Amino acid sequence: MNYLLALLLPPLSIFLAGRPILGIVVFFIWIPALLFSGGLTHPMFIILAWLVIFEARNRQTRL
């Protein structure tokens, strides 16, 4: 479910994946990037969110 959320709101999905500080930092970068680039940078944030979610799931599996 978090992967689907990453498609629409990458900062929120990063926050929910257990990285709250990174989620807040990404939010403050994501908003101006969307406004100035017209949405062209959105896929970059989606990939970042997917990597963070994947890393969090691997970390939970090892414990």
C-alpha atoms as a PDB file:
ATOM      1  CA  MET A   1       0.000   0.000   0.000  1.00  0.00           C
ATOM      2  CA  ASN A   2       2.892   2.320   0.742  1.00  0.00           C
ATOM      3  CA  TYR A   3       4.181   1.827  -2.814  1.00  0.00           C
ATOM      4  CA  LEU A   4       0.897   3.178  -4.180  1.00  0.00           C
ATOM      5  CA  LEU A   5       1.086   6.161  -1.851  1.00  0.00           C
ATOM      6  CA  ALA A   6       4.597   6.817  -3.180  1.00  0.00           C
ATOM      7  CA  LEU A   7       3.136   7.432  -6.624  1.00  0.00           C
ATOM      8  CA  LEU A   8       1.014  10.347  -5.406  1.00  0.00           C
ATOM      9  CA  LEU A   9       2.757  11.689  -2.303  1.00  0.00           C
ATOM     10  CA  PRO A  10       6.377  10.530  -2.096  1.00  0.00           C
ATOM     11  CA  PRO A  11       7.279  12.590   1.017  1.00  0.00           C
ATOM     12  CA  LEU A  12       4.392  11.109   2.996  1.00  0.00           C
ATOM     13  CA  SER A  13       5.305   7.561   2.026  1.00  0.00           C
ATOM     14  CA  ILE A  14       8.930   8.189   3.054  1.00  0.00           C
ATOM     15  CA  PHE A  15       7.659   9.534   6.378  1.00  0.00           C
ATOM     16  CA  LEU A  16       5.496   6.437   6.889  1.00  0.00           C
ATOM     17  CA  ALA A  17       8.361   4.117   5.954  1.00  0.00           C
ATOM     18  CA  GLY A  18      10.125   5.094   9.162  1.00  0.00           C
ATOM     19  CA  ARG A  19      12.297   7.964   7.953  1.00  0.00           C
ATOM     20  CA  PRO A  20      10.490  11.061   9.325  1.00  0.00           C
ATOM     21  CA  ILE A  21      13.359  13.548   9.015  1.00  0.00           C
ATOM     22  CA  LEU A  22      14.067  12.509   5.431  1.00  0.00           C
ATOM     23  CA  GLY A  23      10.345  12.776   4.680  1.00  0.00           C
ATOM     24  CA  ILE A  24      10.223  16.352   5.957  1.00  0.00           C
ATOM     25  CA  VAL A  25      13.370  17.357   4.046  1.00  0.00           C
ATOM     26  CA  VAL A  26      12.049  15.772   0.851  1.00  0.00           C
ATOM     27  CA  PHE A  27       8.732  17.585   1.304  1.00  0.00           C
ATOM     28  CA  PHE A  28      10.444  20.975   1.387  1.00  0.00           C
ATOM     29  CA  ILE A  29      12.400  20.095  -1.759  1.00  0.00           C
ATOM     30  CA  TRP A  30       9.484  18.361  -3.531  1.00  0.00           C
ATOM     31  CA  ILE A  31       7.025  21.303  -3.478  1.00  0.00           C
ATOM     32  CA  PRO A  32       9.319  23.858  -5.203  1.00  0.00           C
ATOM     33  CA  ALA A  33      10.580  21.170  -7.593  1.00  0.00           C
ATOM     34  CA  LEU A  34       7.008  20.439  -8.678  1.00  0.00           C
ATOM     35  CA  LEU A  35       6.209  24.114  -9.130  1.00  0.00           C
ATOM     36  CA  PHE A  36       9.360  25.141 -10.993  1.00  0.00           C
ATOM     37  CA  SER A  37       9.777  22.076 -13.213  1.00  0.00           C
ATOM     38  CA  GLY A  38       6.110  21.502 -13.950  1.00  0.00           C
ATOM     39  CA  GLY A  39       6.179  17.991 -12.509  1.00  0.00           C
ATOM     40  CA  LEU A  40       9.194  16.728 -14.451  1.00  0.00           C
ATOM     41  CA  THR A  41      11.089  15.908 -11.240  1.00  0.00           C
ATOM     42  CA  HIS A  42       8.227  13.888  -9.724  1.00  0.00           C
ATOM     43  CA  PRO A  43       9.548  10.505 -11.004  1.00  0.00           C
ATOM     44  CA  MET A  44      12.834  11.144  -9.196  1.00  0.00           C
ATOM     45  CA  PHE A  45      10.993  11.456  -5.881  1.00  0.00           C
ATOM     46  CA  ILE A  46       8.919   8.351  -6.631  1.00  0.00           C
ATOM     47  CA  ILE A  47      12.091   6.319  -7.172  1.00  0.00           C
ATOM     48  CA  LEU A  48      13.575   7.724  -3.954  1.00  0.00           C
ATOM     49  CA  ALA A  49      10.432   6.765  -2.029  1.00  0.00           C
ATOM     50  CA  TRP A  50      10.424   3.247  -3.487  1.00  0.00           C
ATOM     51  CA  LEU A  51      14.067   2.764  -2.523  1.00  0.00           C
ATOM     52  CA  VAL A  52      13.415   3.947   1.037  1.00  0.00           C
ATOM     53  CA  ILE A  53      10.379   1.651   1.363  1.00  0.00           C
ATOM     54  CA  PHE A  54      12.359  -1.295  -0.032  1.00  0.00           C
ATOM     55  CA  GLU A  55      15.205  -0.607   2.396  1.00  0.00           C
ATOM     56  CA  ALA A  56      12.794  -0.391   5.327  1.00  0.00           C
ATOM     57  CA  ARG A  57      11.197  -3.737   4.416  1.00  0.00           C
ATOM     58  CA  ASN A  58      14.612  -5.399   4.140  1.00  0.00           C
ATOM     59  CA  ARG A  59      15.607  -3.957   7.497  1.00  0.00           C
ATOM     60  CA  GLN A  60      12.444  -5.389   9.115  1.00  0.00           C
ATOM     61  CA  THR A  61      13.061  -8.794   7.546  1.00  0.00           C
ATOM     62  CA  ARG A  62      16.594  -9.026   8.957  1.00  0.00           C
ATOM     63  CA  LEU A  63      15.439  -8.334  12.513  1.00  0.00           C
END
